[in-house]
Amino acid sequence: MSEKKNVGGDIYLVSSCLVGLCTRYDGRVKENVQCMKALAGKIWIPVCPEQLGGLPTPRRAADLVGGDGAAVLAGRARVVNRDGIEVSGQFIKGAQQVLAIAESQPITGIFLKARSPSCGVGEVLGVTAALLQSKGYVLREF
């Protein structure tokens, strides 16, 4: 966790797709109402690890193969898109970029997209979620 003093109130990182930005793999815009309610009155910074890793929008959907996001970070699993192309490098780069943003701010918490190979926390532990979790950040998925 960042040790900087938080003088401006709570600051959250949030998956860009949850706040209605055009960053979903399919290019659709789907704001998450529950997430927006949780962010009401707070300062938040939208991030898309897949875009930060160099992938376009729209892009082919991708899946974790051989393990979860922590296994991808350890080199024991891969991220492969639906065309069979490995995109592990882009997912790892994006996760590192999100971590750099988190470390540059006094982050209170991080809201991530459920069931995402980047951002999933519960059912699927994504690459970005695994990296952030390993650094002690508080994660919540929507």
Protein backbone atom coordinates (compact mmCIF):
# COMPACT_ATOMS: atom_id res chain seq x y z
CA MET A 1 0.00 0.00 0.00
CA SER A 2 1.08 3.52 -0.63
CA GLU A 3 2.36 5.36 2.44
CA LYS A 4 1.56 8.83 1.12
CA LYS A 5 -0.78 11.02 3.12
CA ASN A 6 -4.24 11.18 1.58
CA VAL A 7 -5.18 14.84 1.97
CA GLY A 8 -7.80 14.92 -0.79
CA GLY A 9 -10.11 12.17 0.40
CA ASP A 10 -10.44 8.57 -0.65
CA ILE A 11 -8.86 7.74 -4.01
CA TYR A 12 -9.80 4.57 -5.85
CA LEU A 13 -8.52 2.87 -8.97
CA VAL A 14 -11.35 1.42 -11.04
CA SER A 15 -11.55 -0.72 -14.16
CA SER A 16 -12.38 1.74 -16.94
CA CYS A 17 -15.11 -0.48 -18.36
CA LEU A 18 -17.03 -0.30 -15.07
CA VAL A 19 -17.40 3.47 -15.34
CA GLY A 20 -18.64 3.39 -18.93
CA LEU A 21 -15.46 4.06 -20.89
CA CYS A 22 -15.04 2.24 -24.19
CA THR A 23 -12.38 -0.21 -23.04
CA ARG A 24 -14.21 -3.57 -22.98
CA TYR A 25 -12.76 -6.27 -25.22
CA ASP A 26 -15.86 -6.10 -27.44
CA GLY A 27 -15.91 -2.30 -27.64
CA ARG A 28 -19.28 -2.07 -25.91
CA VAL A 29 -20.00 0.50 -23.23
CA LYS A 30 -21.60 -0.99 -20.11
CA GLU A 31 -21.42 1.17 -17.01
CA ASN A 32 -21.82 -0.82 -13.78
CA VAL A 33 -24.49 0.87 -11.66
CA GLN A 34 -23.38 -0.72 -8.37
CA CYS A 35 -19.79 0.34 -8.95
CA MET A 36 -20.84 3.90 -9.78
CA LYS A 37 -22.87 4.04 -6.55
CA ALA A 38 -19.85 2.82 -4.57
CA LEU A 39 -17.69 5.52 -6.20
CA ALA A 40 -20.18 8.34 -5.57
CA GLY A 41 -18.47 11.24 -3.83
CA LYS A 42 -15.03 9.66 -4.15
CA ILE A 43 -12.02 10.48 -6.27
CA TRP A 44 -11.32 7.72 -8.79
CA ILE A 45 -8.84 6.95 -11.50
CA PRO A 46 -9.97 4.71 -14.39
CA VAL A 47 -7.49 2.13 -15.68
CA CYS A 48 -7.62 -0.57 -18.34
CA PRO A 49 -4.72 -2.98 -17.96
CA GLU A 50 -5.31 -4.53 -21.37
CA GLN A 51 -5.09 -1.17 -23.12
CA LEU A 52 -2.13 -0.13 -20.93
CA GLY A 53 -0.45 -3.36 -22.05
CA GLY A 54 -0.82 -2.34 -25.70
CA LEU A 55 -3.95 -4.23 -26.78
CA PRO A 56 -6.55 -2.42 -28.93
CA THR A 57 -10.27 -1.95 -28.36
CA PRO A 58 -12.07 -3.88 -29.61
CA ARG A 59 -9.89 -6.99 -29.27
CA ARG A 60 -10.41 -10.74 -29.25
CA ALA A 61 -11.58 -12.11 -25.91
CA ALA A 62 -8.85 -13.89 -23.97
CA ASP A 63 -8.72 -16.67 -21.40
CA LEU A 64 -6.32 -17.84 -18.73
CA VAL A 65 -4.82 -21.20 -19.71
CA GLY A 66 -3.11 -23.49 -17.24
CA GLY A 67 -3.76 -21.48 -14.09
CA ASP A 68 -4.82 -18.14 -12.68
CA GLY A 69 -3.27 -14.67 -12.91
CA ALA A 70 -0.70 -15.47 -10.22
CA ALA A 71 0.43 -18.48 -12.27
CA VAL A 72 0.74 -16.24 -15.36
CA LEU A 73 2.96 -13.83 -13.39
CA ALA A 74 5.09 -16.79 -12.27
CA GLY A 75 5.40 -18.11 -15.84
CA ARG A 76 3.38 -21.27 -15.14
CA ALA A 77 0.26 -20.29 -17.11
CA ARG A 78 -0.61 -18.18 -20.15
CA VAL A 79 -3.21 -15.76 -21.46
CA VAL A 80 -4.42 -16.78 -24.92
CA ASN A 81 -6.95 -14.96 -27.06
CA ARG A 82 -9.77 -16.71 -28.90
CA ASP A 83 -7.64 -16.83 -32.07
CA GLY A 84 -5.06 -18.90 -30.18
CA ILE A 85 -2.54 -16.05 -29.95
CA GLU A 86 -0.70 -15.73 -26.66
CA VAL A 87 -1.09 -12.26 -25.10
CA SER A 88 0.51 -12.96 -21.71
CA GLY A 89 3.16 -10.30 -22.27
CA GLN A 90 0.58 -7.58 -22.87
CA PHE A 91 -1.43 -8.65 -19.81
CA ILE A 92 1.68 -8.61 -17.61
CA LYS A 93 2.80 -5.23 -18.96
CA GLY A 94 -0.67 -3.80 -18.32
CA ALA A 95 -0.69 -5.17 -14.77
CA GLN A 96 2.69 -3.55 -14.13
CA GLN A 97 1.39 -0.23 -15.50
CA VAL A 98 -1.66 -0.36 -13.20
CA LEU A 99 0.60 -1.14 -10.24
CA ALA A 100 2.78 1.87 -11.11
CA ILE A 101 -0.30 4.10 -11.14
CA ALA A 102 -1.48 2.64 -7.82
CA GLU A 103 1.92 3.20 -6.25
CA SER A 104 1.97 6.83 -7.42
CA GLN A 105 -1.21 7.69 -5.47
CA PRO A 106 -2.50 7.19 -1.92
CA ILE A 107 -4.97 4.52 -3.05
CA THR A 108 -7.74 3.53 -0.64
CA GLY A 109 -9.07 0.63 -2.69
CA ILE A 110 -9.35 -0.82 -6.15
CA PHE A 111 -12.59 -1.75 -7.94
CA LEU A 112 -12.15 -4.34 -10.69
CA LYS A 113 -14.25 -6.09 -13.34
CA ALA A 114 -15.45 -9.54 -12.31
CA ARG A 115 -14.64 -12.62 -14.42
CA SER A 116 -11.92 -10.81 -16.35
CA PRO A 117 -8.58 -12.48 -17.17
CA SER A 118 -7.00 -9.15 -16.16
CA CYS A 119 -9.17 -7.90 -13.34
CA GLY A 120 -11.18 -10.78 -11.90
CA VAL A 121 -10.86 -11.25 -8.15
CA GLY A 122 -13.31 -13.95 -7.08
CA GLU A 123 -14.27 -16.69 -9.53
CA VAL A 124 -11.27 -15.89 -11.75
CA LEU A 125 -8.09 -14.29 -10.35
CA GLY A 126 -6.82 -12.15 -13.20
CA VAL A 127 -3.26 -11.08 -13.91
CA THR A 128 -3.65 -7.48 -12.71
CA ALA A 129 -5.68 -8.53 -9.68
CA ALA A 130 -3.02 -11.07 -8.72
CA LEU A 131 -0.22 -8.50 -8.94
CA LEU A 132 -2.15 -5.89 -6.95
CA GLN A 133 -3.21 -8.46 -4.36
CA SER A 134 0.41 -9.57 -3.92
CA LYS A 135 1.29 -5.97 -3.05
CA GLY A 136 -1.41 -5.75 -0.37
CA TYR A 137 -4.03 -3.67 -2.13
CA VAL A 138 -7.66 -4.02 -1.13
CA LEU A 139 -9.60 -5.32 -4.16
CA ARG A 140 -13.33 -5.44 -4.79
CA GLU A 141 -14.93 -6.76 -7.93
CA PHE A 142 -18.12 -5.73 -9.71
